[in-house]
Protein backbone atom coordinates (compact mmCIF):
# COMPACT_ATOMS: atom_id res chain seq x y z
CA MET A 1 11.38 -26.48 13.35
CA PRO A 2 10.66 -30.09 13.57
CA PRO A 3 7.32 -31.23 12.51
CA ASP A 4 6.62 -32.62 16.31
CA THR A 5 8.26 -29.35 17.73
CA GLN A 6 6.27 -29.08 21.04
CA ILE A 7 5.97 -25.52 22.24
CA VAL A 8 4.69 -25.15 26.06
CA ILE A 9 3.23 -21.70 27.43
CA VAL A 10 3.39 -21.42 30.99
CA GLY A 11 2.36 -18.33 33.57
CA GLY A 12 0.59 -16.86 31.57
CA ARG A 13 -3.32 -15.49 31.25
CA ILE A 14 -5.22 -18.00 28.84
CA VAL A 15 -8.64 -16.18 26.78
CA THR A 16 -9.82 -18.87 24.43
CA GLY A 17 -11.37 -16.86 21.69
CA ASP A 18 -15.08 -18.35 22.77
CA GLY A 19 -16.16 -14.59 23.92
CA THR A 20 -16.27 -15.68 28.11
CA THR A 21 -13.58 -18.67 29.00
CA LEU A 22 -10.70 -16.80 30.75
CA TYR A 23 -7.75 -18.74 33.20
CA GLU A 24 -6.27 -16.27 34.70
CA ARG A 25 -3.37 -18.26 34.92
CA GLY A 26 -3.02 -21.42 32.48
CA VAL A 27 -0.95 -23.30 30.28
CA VAL A 28 -1.28 -24.10 26.46
CA ARG A 29 0.58 -27.11 24.45
CA THR A 30 1.03 -27.41 20.93
CA ARG A 31 2.84 -30.68 19.29
CA GLY A 32 3.32 -29.70 15.46
CA THR A 33 0.70 -27.81 13.60
CA ARG A 34 -1.93 -28.12 16.41
CA ILE A 35 -2.84 -27.28 20.21
CA ILE A 36 -2.64 -30.74 22.25
CA ASP A 37 -3.83 -28.91 25.33
CA VAL A 38 -5.17 -25.90 27.01
CA ALA A 39 -5.93 -25.99 31.05
CA ARG A 40 -6.17 -23.99 33.91
CA GLY A 41 -3.51 -23.49 36.49
CA ASP A 42 0.09 -24.78 36.52
CA ALA A 43 1.83 -27.75 34.79
CA ASP A 44 5.52 -28.84 33.96
CA ALA A 45 6.38 -28.37 30.75
CA GLY A 46 8.51 -31.55 30.79
CA SER A 47 11.93 -32.01 28.70
CA ASP A 48 12.77 -31.47 24.57
CA VAL A 49 10.19 -28.60 24.55
CA VAL A 50 10.27 -24.42 23.18
CA LEU A 51 9.58 -23.30 26.61
CA LEU A 52 7.45 -19.80 26.64
CA ASN A 53 6.77 -18.24 30.15
CA ALA A 54 4.38 -15.75 29.71
CA ALA A 55 4.34 -14.52 33.07
CA GLY A 56 2.71 -10.87 32.97
CA CYS A 57 0.90 -11.79 29.61
CA THR A 58 -1.91 -13.16 28.33
CA VAL A 59 -2.17 -15.94 25.83
CA ILE A 60 -4.89 -15.60 22.65
CA PRO A 61 -5.63 -17.14 19.42
CA GLY A 62 -3.73 -15.65 16.51
CA ILE A 63 -5.60 -12.98 14.85
CA VAL A 64 -8.09 -14.08 11.98
CA ASN A 65 -8.21 -10.87 9.59
CA ALA A 66 -10.80 -11.54 7.54
CA HIS A 67 -10.65 -8.16 5.94
CA ALA A 68 -7.34 -7.11 4.54
CA HIS A 69 -5.81 -5.55 1.53
CA GLY A 70 -2.44 -4.62 -0.07
CA CYS A 71 -1.30 -8.76 1.13
CA ILE A 72 -0.80 -10.20 -2.27
CA HIS A 73 0.34 -9.79 -6.15
CA GLY A 74 -2.62 -9.68 -8.26
CA PRO A 75 -5.10 -6.69 -9.71
CA SER A 76 -5.17 -4.63 -6.35
CA MET A 77 -8.71 -3.23 -4.72
CA PRO A 78 -12.21 -3.29 -6.19
CA SER A 79 -11.06 -1.05 -8.83
CA GLY A 80 -8.56 -4.20 -10.25
CA SER A 81 -5.88 -1.42 -10.17
CA VAL A 82 -2.22 -2.42 -10.98
CA PRO A 83 -0.63 -4.61 -8.48
CA VAL A 84 0.62 -3.43 -4.82
CA ARG A 85 4.66 -3.11 -5.17
CA PRO A 86 5.97 -6.37 -3.69
CA THR A 87 8.20 -4.63 -1.49
CA ASP A 88 4.75 -2.89 0.43
CA VAL A 89 3.14 -6.25 0.10
CA ASP A 90 6.30 -7.49 2.23
CA TYR A 91 6.07 -4.76 4.42
CA PHE A 92 1.91 -4.97 5.13
CA ARG A 93 2.24 -9.06 5.64
CA ASN A 94 5.22 -8.28 7.92
CA ARG A 95 3.12 -5.22 9.46
CA HIS A 96 0.37 -7.66 10.37
CA LEU A 97 2.33 -10.74 11.95
CA LEU A 98 3.75 -8.29 14.01
CA SER A 99 0.67 -7.12 15.08
CA GLY A 100 -0.40 -10.88 15.73
CA THR A 101 -2.40 -12.07 12.91
CA THR A 102 -1.82 -15.54 11.73
CA THR A 103 -4.38 -15.67 9.20
CA LEU A 104 -5.77 -12.77 6.52
CA LEU A 105 -8.13 -12.94 4.16
CA ASN A 106 -7.41 -10.22 1.36
CA VAL A 107 -10.16 -8.97 0.13
CA CYS A 108 -9.45 -6.97 -2.95
CA GLY A 109 -11.57 -9.43 -4.67
CA LEU A 110 -9.99 -9.77 -8.32
CA ALA A 111 -7.25 -11.59 -8.03
CA LEU A 112 -6.38 -15.48 -9.16
CA PRO A 113 -5.14 -17.64 -6.39
CA ASP A 114 -1.94 -18.57 -8.31
CA GLU A 115 -1.22 -14.64 -7.40
CA ILE A 116 -0.89 -14.40 -3.60
CA ASP A 117 2.18 -15.23 -3.19
CA GLY A 118 3.52 -14.04 -6.42
CA PRO A 119 6.16 -15.24 -8.97
CA SER A 120 8.37 -16.75 -6.20
CA ASN A 121 5.57 -18.39 -4.61
CA GLN A 122 7.51 -17.92 -1.36
CA ARG A 123 4.73 -18.40 1.57
CA HIS A 124 4.89 -16.30 4.30
CA ALA A 125 4.49 -17.15 7.76
CA MET A 126 0.83 -16.15 7.94
CA ASP A 127 -1.74 -17.93 6.43
CA ILE A 128 -3.17 -15.50 3.34
CA HIS A 129 -6.45 -16.44 1.26
CA LEU A 130 -8.16 -14.64 -1.05
CA THR A 131 -11.69 -13.36 -1.80
CA THR A 132 -13.63 -13.61 -5.60
CA ALA A 133 -16.00 -10.46 -6.89
CA HIS A 134 -15.68 -12.08 -10.72
CA THR A 135 -19.04 -11.07 -11.91
CA THR A 136 -20.24 -9.54 -15.37
CA SER A 137 -20.42 -5.73 -13.48
CA ASN A 138 -17.74 -5.18 -10.74
CA LEU A 139 -15.72 -6.05 -13.34
CA ALA A 140 -17.42 -3.63 -15.24
CA ALA A 141 -17.50 -1.28 -12.71
CA ALA A 142 -13.38 -1.79 -11.92
CA ILE A 143 -13.22 -0.54 -15.76
CA VAL A 144 -15.12 2.23 -15.81
CA ILE A 145 -12.61 3.26 -12.54
CA ASP A 146 -9.44 2.11 -13.11
CA GLY A 147 -8.76 -1.57 -14.11
CA GLY A 148 -4.99 -0.84 -14.60
CA GLY A 149 -4.25 -4.36 -13.37
CA LEU A 150 -6.67 -6.56 -15.28
CA SER A 151 -5.67 -8.79 -18.03
CA GLU A 152 -7.61 -10.88 -19.62
CA ARG A 153 -7.62 -14.02 -17.82
CA HIS A 154 -9.14 -11.47 -14.56
CA LYS A 155 -11.51 -10.68 -17.07
CA ILE A 156 -12.85 -13.72 -18.00
CA ALA A 157 -12.17 -15.59 -14.04
CA ARG A 158 -15.86 -15.72 -12.79
CA ILE A 159 -16.83 -16.36 -9.02
CA ASP A 160 -17.51 -20.62 -9.47
CA ASP A 161 -13.93 -21.22 -10.79
CA MET A 162 -12.64 -18.92 -8.14
CA VAL A 163 -14.47 -20.85 -5.76
CA ASP A 164 -13.53 -24.50 -6.89
CA LYS A 165 -9.66 -22.81 -7.00
CA GLY A 166 -10.00 -22.48 -3.02
CA ALA A 167 -11.29 -18.84 -2.41
CA LYS A 168 -12.65 -18.50 1.06
CA ALA A 169 -15.58 -15.23 0.81
CA LEU A 170 -16.93 -13.36 -1.78
CA GLY A 171 -16.35 -9.39 -2.39
CA GLU A 172 -15.42 -7.38 -1.36
CA ALA A 173 -18.52 -6.42 -3.61
CA GLY A 174 -18.15 -2.54 -4.10
CA GLY A 175 -14.95 -0.16 -2.71
CA GLY A 176 -14.29 3.20 -2.16
CA GLN A 177 -13.06 3.43 -5.17
CA THR A 178 -16.24 2.37 -7.02
CA LEU A 179 -18.66 4.07 -4.40
CA GLY A 180 -17.65 7.41 -3.51
CA GLY A 181 -15.38 6.08 -0.13
CA GLY A 182 -12.09 6.58 1.17
CA ALA A 183 -10.04 5.50 -1.51
CA GLN A 184 -12.05 8.25 -3.44
CA ASP A 185 -11.10 10.77 -1.01
CA TYR A 186 -7.10 9.84 -0.46
CA ARG A 187 -6.97 8.74 -4.20
CA PHE A 188 -9.17 9.60 -6.95
CA ILE A 189 -9.89 12.73 -5.65
CA PRO A 190 -6.58 14.59 -5.18
CA ALA A 191 -5.02 13.15 -8.45
CA ALA A 192 -7.62 14.34 -10.59
CA ILE A 193 -7.27 18.11 -8.63
CA GLU A 194 -4.07 18.41 -8.75
CA ALA A 195 -3.88 17.53 -12.52
CA ALA A 196 -6.24 20.04 -12.69
CA THR A 197 -4.77 22.99 -10.64
CA GLY A 198 -1.06 21.66 -9.28
CA ILE A 199 -1.90 21.58 -6.14
CA SER A 200 -2.34 19.00 -4.34
CA ILE A 201 -5.08 18.36 -1.36
CA HIS A 202 -5.59 16.34 2.09
CA PRO A 203 -7.72 13.64 1.92
CA LYS A 204 -9.94 15.43 4.47
CA GLU A 205 -10.21 17.85 1.92
CA ALA A 206 -11.41 15.87 -0.84
CA ARG A 207 -14.24 13.98 1.12
CA ALA A 208 -15.47 17.76 2.33
CA LEU A 209 -15.24 18.76 -1.02
CA LYS A 210 -16.78 15.38 -2.51
CA GLU A 211 -19.79 15.51 0.54
CA ALA A 212 -20.28 19.46 -0.58
CA VAL A 213 -21.40 18.20 -4.10
CA LEU A 214 -22.50 14.74 -4.37
CA GLY A 215 -23.77 14.81 -0.08
CA ARG A 216 -22.75 11.44 1.87
CA TYR A 217 -25.19 9.31 0.51
CA LEU A 218 -24.32 10.52 -3.32
CA ASP A 219 -28.09 11.66 -3.83
CA ARG A 220 -27.42 15.56 -3.77
CA GLY A 221 -29.53 17.04 -6.26
CA LEU A 222 -27.76 20.55 -6.04
CA PRO A 223 -24.55 21.12 -4.09
CA ASP A 224 -23.76 23.08 -1.26
CA LEU A 225 -22.74 25.99 -3.29
CA ALA A 226 -22.10 28.31 -0.30
CA ARG A 227 -19.99 25.34 1.09
CA LEU A 228 -18.27 24.88 -1.72
CA ASN A 229 -17.15 28.05 -1.94
CA THR A 230 -15.54 28.34 0.99
CA LEU A 231 -13.59 24.95 0.83
CA LEU A 232 -12.35 26.25 -2.69
CA ILE A 233 -10.60 28.75 -0.50
CA GLU A 234 -9.52 26.92 2.36
CA CYS A 235 -7.89 24.23 0.42
CA GLY A 236 -6.13 27.47 -1.39
CA ILE A 237 -7.43 26.27 -4.63
CA ALA A 238 -9.96 28.92 -5.64
CA ALA A 239 -7.89 31.25 -7.76
CA LYS A 240 -7.17 27.46 -9.87
CA ILE A 241 -10.29 26.47 -10.50
CA ASP A 242 -14.25 27.61 -9.66
CA ALA A 243 -17.09 25.78 -8.20
CA SER A 244 -18.47 24.76 -11.54
CA ASP A 245 -15.54 23.18 -12.61
CA ILE A 246 -15.23 21.62 -9.54
CA ILE A 247 -18.52 20.14 -9.82
CA LYS A 248 -17.92 18.65 -13.33
CA LEU A 249 -14.29 17.33 -11.50
CA ILE A 250 -15.76 15.52 -8.49
CA ARG A 251 -18.83 14.14 -10.07
CA ASP A 252 -16.60 12.62 -13.76
CA THR A 253 -14.40 11.49 -11.28
CA VAL A 254 -16.80 9.88 -8.13
CA MET A 255 -19.47 8.75 -10.41
CA PRO A 256 -18.99 6.70 -13.29
CA PRO A 257 -18.50 3.39 -11.70
CA VAL A 258 -21.20 3.45 -8.73
CA VAL A 259 -24.61 2.45 -10.71
CA LEU A 260 -22.27 -0.64 -11.92
CA SER A 261 -20.81 -1.81 -8.57
CA LEU A 262 -24.31 -1.68 -6.97
CA LYS A 263 -25.55 -3.69 -10.01
CA GLY A 264 -22.60 -6.12 -8.60
CA PHE A 265 -23.86 -6.12 -5.46
CA ASP A 266 -27.02 -8.12 -6.11
CA GLU A 267 -24.78 -10.20 -8.53
CA ILE A 268 -22.70 -10.94 -5.01
CA ALA A 269 -25.54 -11.62 -2.86
CA ALA A 270 -27.34 -13.92 -5.44
CA ALA A 271 -23.95 -16.40 -5.72
CA SER A 272 -23.70 -16.13 -1.94
CA GLU A 273 -27.51 -17.49 -1.59
CA ARG A 274 -27.02 -19.94 -4.50
CA LEU A 275 -23.40 -21.37 -3.35
CA ASP A 276 -23.92 -20.75 0.43
CA PHE A 277 -21.13 -18.71 0.51
CA PRO A 278 -20.06 -15.69 2.78
CA ALA A 279 -20.15 -12.97 0.65
CA ILE A 280 -18.65 -9.48 2.31
CA PHE A 281 -20.35 -5.71 1.44
CA HIS A 282 -18.72 -2.21 1.01
CA ASN A 283 -21.24 -1.01 3.77
CA ALA A 284 -21.20 2.73 4.09
CA ALA A 285 -24.01 5.43 3.38
CA PRO A 286 -24.29 5.35 -0.51
CA THR A 287 -24.44 1.77 0.22
CA ALA A 288 -27.05 0.55 3.97
CA ALA A 289 -30.33 0.72 1.83
CA THR A 290 -28.97 -1.53 -0.68
CA LEU A 291 -27.60 -4.19 1.38
CA LEU A 292 -31.01 -4.00 3.64
CA LYS A 293 -33.00 -5.00 0.51
CA LEU A 294 -30.31 -7.50 -0.85
CA ALA A 295 -31.17 -8.84 2.61
CA GLU A 296 -34.77 -9.67 2.30
CA THR A 297 -34.40 -10.10 -1.19
CA TYR A 298 -31.82 -13.18 -0.62
CA PRO A 299 -32.58 -14.31 2.57
CA LYS A 300 -30.43 -17.14 2.52
CA ALA A 301 -27.31 -14.99 1.59
CA ARG A 302 -24.50 -15.30 3.68
CA MET A 303 -24.48 -11.47 4.47
CA ILE A 304 -21.65 -9.86 6.12
CA ALA A 305 -21.72 -6.24 6.44
CA GLY A 306 -17.33 -4.71 6.40
CA HIS A 307 -16.05 -1.86 7.80
CA SER A 308 -20.17 -0.24 9.39
CA ASN A 309 -18.35 1.92 10.95
CA HIS A 310 -17.40 3.94 7.74
CA PRO A 311 -17.13 7.47 7.94
CA MET A 312 -19.50 8.25 5.44
CA PHE A 313 -21.75 7.44 8.28
CA SER A 314 -22.84 9.16 11.35
CA PRO A 315 -22.66 8.25 14.75
CA GLU A 316 -26.05 7.71 14.95
CA GLU A 317 -26.45 6.18 11.45
CA ALA A 318 -23.86 3.66 11.70
CA VAL A 319 -26.27 2.29 14.99
CA ARG A 320 -29.35 2.45 12.82
CA PHE A 321 -28.85 1.04 9.95
CA GLY A 322 -26.43 -1.67 11.69
CA LEU A 323 -29.42 -2.48 13.87
CA GLN A 324 -31.65 -3.46 10.78
CA LEU A 325 -29.11 -5.18 9.00
CA ARG A 326 -28.86 -7.56 12.27
CA LYS A 327 -31.83 -7.87 12.27
CA ARG A 328 -32.26 -9.18 8.82
CA GLY A 329 -29.67 -11.79 9.48
CA VAL A 330 -26.41 -9.70 8.30
CA ALA A 331 -23.43 -10.11 10.61
CA ILE A 332 -21.83 -6.94 10.76
CA ASP A 333 -17.83 -5.80 10.81
CA VAL A 334 -16.53 -3.35 12.07
CA SER A 335 -12.78 -1.97 11.18
CA THR A 336 -9.86 -0.26 12.32
CA LEU A 337 -9.04 2.18 9.27
CA ASP A 338 -6.81 4.96 10.74
CA CYS A 339 -9.18 6.13 13.55
CA ILE A 340 -7.35 3.85 16.46
CA GLU A 341 -3.92 5.77 16.60
CA THR A 342 -3.32 7.11 13.53
CA ARG A 343 -6.42 9.47 13.09
CA TRP A 344 -5.39 11.40 9.84
CA ARG A 345 -8.28 10.48 8.03
CA ASN A 346 -10.64 9.20 10.60
CA ASP A 347 -11.63 8.70 14.29
CA THR A 348 -13.48 6.86 16.47
CA ALA A 349 -17.28 8.00 16.86
CA ASN A 350 -18.65 5.21 14.86
CA ILE A 351 -16.76 2.65 15.86
CA ASP A 352 -17.57 3.36 19.88
CA ALA A 353 -21.47 3.78 18.90
CA LEU A 354 -21.28 0.40 17.29
CA VAL A 355 -19.57 -1.17 20.55
CA GLU A 356 -21.41 0.15 22.70
CA ALA A 357 -24.40 -0.75 21.04
CA GLY A 358 -23.25 -4.59 21.35
CA LEU A 359 -23.67 -4.50 17.55
CA VAL A 360 -20.11 -5.34 16.49
CA ASP A 361 -19.69 -9.67 15.13
CA THR A 362 -16.25 -9.57 13.85
CA LEU A 363 -13.53 -6.51 13.71
CA SER A 364 -10.79 -6.13 10.99
CA THR A 365 -8.21 -3.90 9.93
CA ASP A 366 -9.58 -3.09 6.47
CA PHE A 367 -6.29 -0.62 4.29
CA ALA A 368 -7.18 3.14 4.63
CA GLY A 369 -4.55 3.41 2.15
CA GLY A 370 -2.00 1.86 3.99
CA ASP A 371 -2.73 3.63 7.10
CA TRP A 372 -4.85 0.69 9.42
CA ASP A 373 -4.10 0.54 12.78
CA SER A 374 -3.77 -3.25 14.63
CA ILE A 375 -6.55 -5.02 15.94
CA LEU A 376 -5.19 -5.54 18.96
CA SER A 377 -4.99 -1.62 19.38
CA ALA A 378 -8.84 -1.69 19.17
CA ILE A 379 -9.01 -4.57 21.46
CA GLN A 380 -6.99 -2.81 23.86
CA ARG A 381 -8.90 0.46 23.46
CA MET A 382 -12.30 -1.33 24.06
CA VAL A 383 -11.07 -3.10 27.43
CA ARG A 384 -9.69 0.17 28.73
CA LYS A 385 -12.89 2.01 28.04
CA ARG A 386 -14.68 -0.78 29.53
CA GLN A 387 -16.50 -1.29 26.52
CA LEU A 388 -16.23 -4.99 26.40
CA LEU A 389 -14.77 -7.79 28.58
CA LEU A 390 -11.37 -9.01 27.88
CA ALA A 391 -13.03 -12.38 26.61
CA GLY A 392 -15.69 -10.52 24.52
CA ALA A 393 -13.14 -7.98 22.82
CA ILE A 394 -10.91 -10.80 21.66
CA ALA A 395 -13.58 -12.77 20.32
CA LEU A 396 -14.37 -10.51 17.96
CA ALA A 397 -11.25 -11.15 16.16
CA THR A 398 -11.01 -14.37 16.74
CA GLY A 399 -13.38 -17.47 17.86
CA ASN A 400 -16.66 -15.06 16.15
CA VAL A 401 -14.60 -14.69 12.67
CA SER A 402 -14.03 -18.25 12.34
CA LYS A 403 -18.05 -18.48 13.17
CA THR A 404 -18.33 -16.48 10.65
CA PHE A 405 -16.22 -17.50 7.93
CA PRO A 406 -15.94 -20.90 8.22
CA GLU A 407 -14.42 -21.62 4.88
CA LEU A 408 -11.44 -19.85 6.36
CA ALA A 409 -11.16 -20.15 9.58
CA ALA A 410 -12.99 -23.16 11.03
CA ASP A 411 -10.09 -24.49 12.42
CA ARG A 412 -8.33 -21.67 14.00
CA GLY A 413 -9.67 -19.17 16.20
CA LEU A 414 -9.70 -21.28 19.25
CA LEU A 415 -7.53 -22.05 21.84
CA GLU A 416 -8.51 -25.60 21.80
CA LYS A 417 -7.61 -29.51 21.51
CA GLY A 418 -7.52 -30.21 18.05
CA LYS A 419 -6.72 -26.86 16.23
CA ARG A 420 -4.14 -25.44 14.39
CA ALA A 421 -1.73 -23.99 16.99
CA ASP A 422 -1.81 -20.54 15.87
CA LEU A 423 -1.67 -18.13 19.34
CA VAL A 424 -0.21 -15.07 20.64
CA ILE A 425 1.39 -13.96 23.32
CA VAL A 426 0.80 -10.31 24.89
CA GLU A 427 1.35 -7.54 27.30
CA ASN A 428 -1.35 -7.52 29.91
CA HIS A 429 -1.27 -4.68 30.48
CA ASN A 430 -1.43 -2.99 26.72
CA LEU A 431 -2.78 -6.17 24.73
CA GLY A 432 -1.02 -4.23 21.46
CA ARG A 433 2.17 -5.18 22.53
CA VAL A 434 3.15 -8.64 20.83
CA ARG A 435 5.57 -10.50 22.80
CA HIS A 436 5.71 -13.87 20.31
CA VAL A 437 3.53 -15.38 17.99
CA VAL A 438 2.87 -18.87 17.41
CA ALA A 439 1.39 -19.57 13.20
CA ASN A 440 0.88 -22.84 12.37
CA GLY A 441 3.28 -25.05 15.55
CA GLU A 442 6.07 -22.57 14.49
CA LEU A 443 7.48 -19.35 15.95
CA GLY A 444 7.21 -17.00 14.27
CA VAL A 445 7.79 -13.74 16.50
CA GLN A 446 10.27 -13.93 19.68
CA ARG A 447 10.83 -11.16 21.89
CA GLY A 448 13.63 -11.64 24.19
CA ASP A 449 13.04 -11.95 28.29
CA GLY A 450 15.60 -9.27 28.54
CA GLY A 451 14.85 -5.98 25.98
CA TRP A 452 14.25 -5.86 22.50
CA GLY A 453 15.08 -9.66 20.82
CA PHE A 454 15.32 -10.83 17.29
CA ALA A 455 16.60 -13.77 15.38
CA ARG A 456 20.02 -14.29 14.56
CA LEU A 457 20.03 -16.53 11.51
CA ARG A 458 22.85 -18.50 10.26
CA PRO A 459 23.44 -21.68 7.82
CA ALA A 460 22.83 -24.84 8.80
CA SER A 461 22.91 -28.47 7.63
CA GLY A 462 20.52 -30.58 6.92
CA PRO A 463 17.79 -31.47 4.73
CA LEU A 464 15.12 -28.94 3.16
CA ALA A 465 13.74 -26.90 5.29
CA GLY A 466 10.10 -27.47 4.04
CA PRO A 467 8.42 -28.86 1.65
CA ARG A 468 6.85 -25.62 0.97
CA THR A 469 10.20 -23.59 0.58
CA PRO A 470 12.70 -23.39 -3.18
CA ILE A 471 15.67 -22.36 -0.94
CA SER A 472 17.63 -25.91 -0.21
CA ALA A 473 18.66 -24.94 2.85
CA ALA A 474 17.70 -24.71 6.36
CA LEU A 475 18.14 -22.05 9.14
CA THR A 476 18.80 -22.22 12.60
CA ALA A 477 17.30 -19.09 14.47
CA CYS A 478 18.75 -18.39 17.91
CA ALA A 479 16.48 -16.61 19.90
CA ILE A 480 17.92 -13.59 21.47
CA GLY A 481 17.53 -11.93 24.46
CA VAL A 482 19.49 -8.37 24.47
CA ASP A 483 20.90 -7.57 27.64
CA SER A 484 21.68 -4.32 29.15
CA ARG A 485 25.35 -4.03 27.52
CA GLY A 486 24.01 -4.73 24.27
CA GLN A 487 24.67 -8.36 23.95
CA CYS A 488 22.94 -11.37 22.40
CA PRO A 489 23.29 -14.28 24.35
CA PRO A 490 21.36 -17.30 22.98
CA LEU A 491 18.81 -19.37 24.34
CA ARG A 492 17.46 -21.85 22.09
CA GLN A 493 17.71 -23.08 19.11
CA PHE A 494 15.01 -24.09 16.72
CA HIS A 495 14.96 -24.88 12.88
CA VAL A 496 12.75 -22.49 10.84
CA PRO A 497 11.98 -22.49 6.51
CA THR A 498 13.53 -19.56 5.31
CA ARG A 499 10.19 -18.74 4.16
CA LYS A 500 9.25 -17.38 7.70
CA VAL A 501 9.58 -14.27 8.25
CA VAL A 502 11.11 -14.65 11.95
CA GLY A 503 10.84 -11.65 13.62
CA ILE A 504 10.46 -9.80 17.56
CA GLY A 505 8.09 -7.71 19.14
CA SER A 506 5.32 -5.52 17.21
CA ILE A 507 5.71 -3.03 14.79
CA SER A 508 8.43 -1.16 15.96
CA CYS A 509 11.04 -4.44 15.82
CA PRO A 510 13.33 -5.43 13.23
CA ILE A 511 12.17 -8.46 10.27
CA LEU A 512 14.72 -10.72 9.40
CA ALA A 513 14.02 -12.32 6.34
CA SER A 514 15.62 -14.38 3.38
CA ALA A 515 15.07 -11.17 1.91
CA ASP A 516 17.29 -7.82 3.16
CA ALA A 517 15.62 -4.94 5.15
CA ALA A 518 15.35 -3.18 1.40
CA GLU A 519 13.75 -5.81 -0.31
CA VAL A 520 10.87 -6.44 2.00
CA GLY A 521 10.22 -2.23 2.27
CA LEU A 522 10.90 -1.77 5.89
CA PRO A 523 11.09 1.61 7.10
CA LEU A 524 14.90 3.34 7.47
CA HIS A 525 15.18 2.97 11.23
CA LEU A 526 14.49 -0.74 10.93
CA ARG A 527 16.64 -0.87 8.27
CA ARG A 528 19.39 -0.16 10.60
CA ARG A 529 18.85 -2.43 13.04
CA GLU A 530 19.89 -4.82 10.88
CA ARG A 531 23.47 -4.33 11.46
CA HIS A 532 23.04 -6.65 14.55
CA ARG A 533 22.48 -9.90 12.29
């Protein structure tokens, strides 16, 4: 789109992201990359604008997701594992965008700035940033458990240099890989058991075996042998491995990085206080007491207790530790994990308990083995269950995040004059249904009024689409509404850089990019829609 393009959104409900302000009907105007007006009521749209009719919908700030994984091309997870496949990086990025996220913080912690976009250096419509956990103990913990994605330049990187090069937060200190959490349940323990027995087990079974051997706090002195023997039978592996061998296997798989990882917590907290920089910590049963101690040792550290609804807590524990951490000035983050809609491994008990106790500061997705549910689906659930009012629920993923992470999002997260033009239009009766996404003033996702829509791309003459795109052509994107006959009459033309993902609707709609569908890792049923281009 031309740099001075105006987008005018009319007819919709406006939620500004500050936690309280809501207009039942209002207007939002953007020019270029900035919001220029937010007002109650109706207004004349004017001419030479991109007009979006938001009747029946709610206009909110773009979601700021400050705890995600799998969206950059460097070493993955706090274990420093091999990078996520490029096709999966594209897929996860597109899922987030189509779920209303316009800014994302990848918190694996051990990648470098030049690995955000990979060798192609093509920028995504989302604004994607990374964190740093490059301390001696965090790197050592990663190498003990895996470290397969770490090169020498990763191993010699340090926090101060990474902050100077653009890292937006410290962390994630620790992770499920290094602290006996979810990644042990879905990856490391099942892999070790399959190697020993030839049998694949479910992550829930791995978690149960782990807790029978180590306890939820990883401090069990003696395994629960009665429970363990029952689990071996239920998992179908009793004929392949006995209790003593499974005890050794689980201890050898889970425990080696734990002490190093907890030492890394101290290093991150000290750096947070020294640098006055936000720091994200893995908050779960084995680490909560450590976080409480660090909050007292480093009272000026800007600590965020990540995914405080972690499944290793009971609901009562999640609330108790949340209260104690909040009293010490620690921000409480909760994550959707896979507990909102998917519910493959986790349920909603802990997130419900924290929301209802009024203890949630920010809302993110985390990763959950790639099964994370969308932030807006969690907000929809909170509002539907009357756990929070709409304005307060939206703020958890917008305005609250900008206050907690100003280095990442000080100029966004609010529908306010002068803020970055990141905004999302969602359906009133289901906030998880995304109809339009405007990212940095560009219409990145659109859904036609007449049914499923998509963007039809064709070459256009003219200058380069943008300074950051390596492709020497612009595209003209014609927003289309599919009518009852399946026809696609053009509604409006506008220029978009080829680096942008142009998609329509929510996760189930097609994504069109400069790469073909197979290259962006789309499921087969979405690839078939590509024939309609």
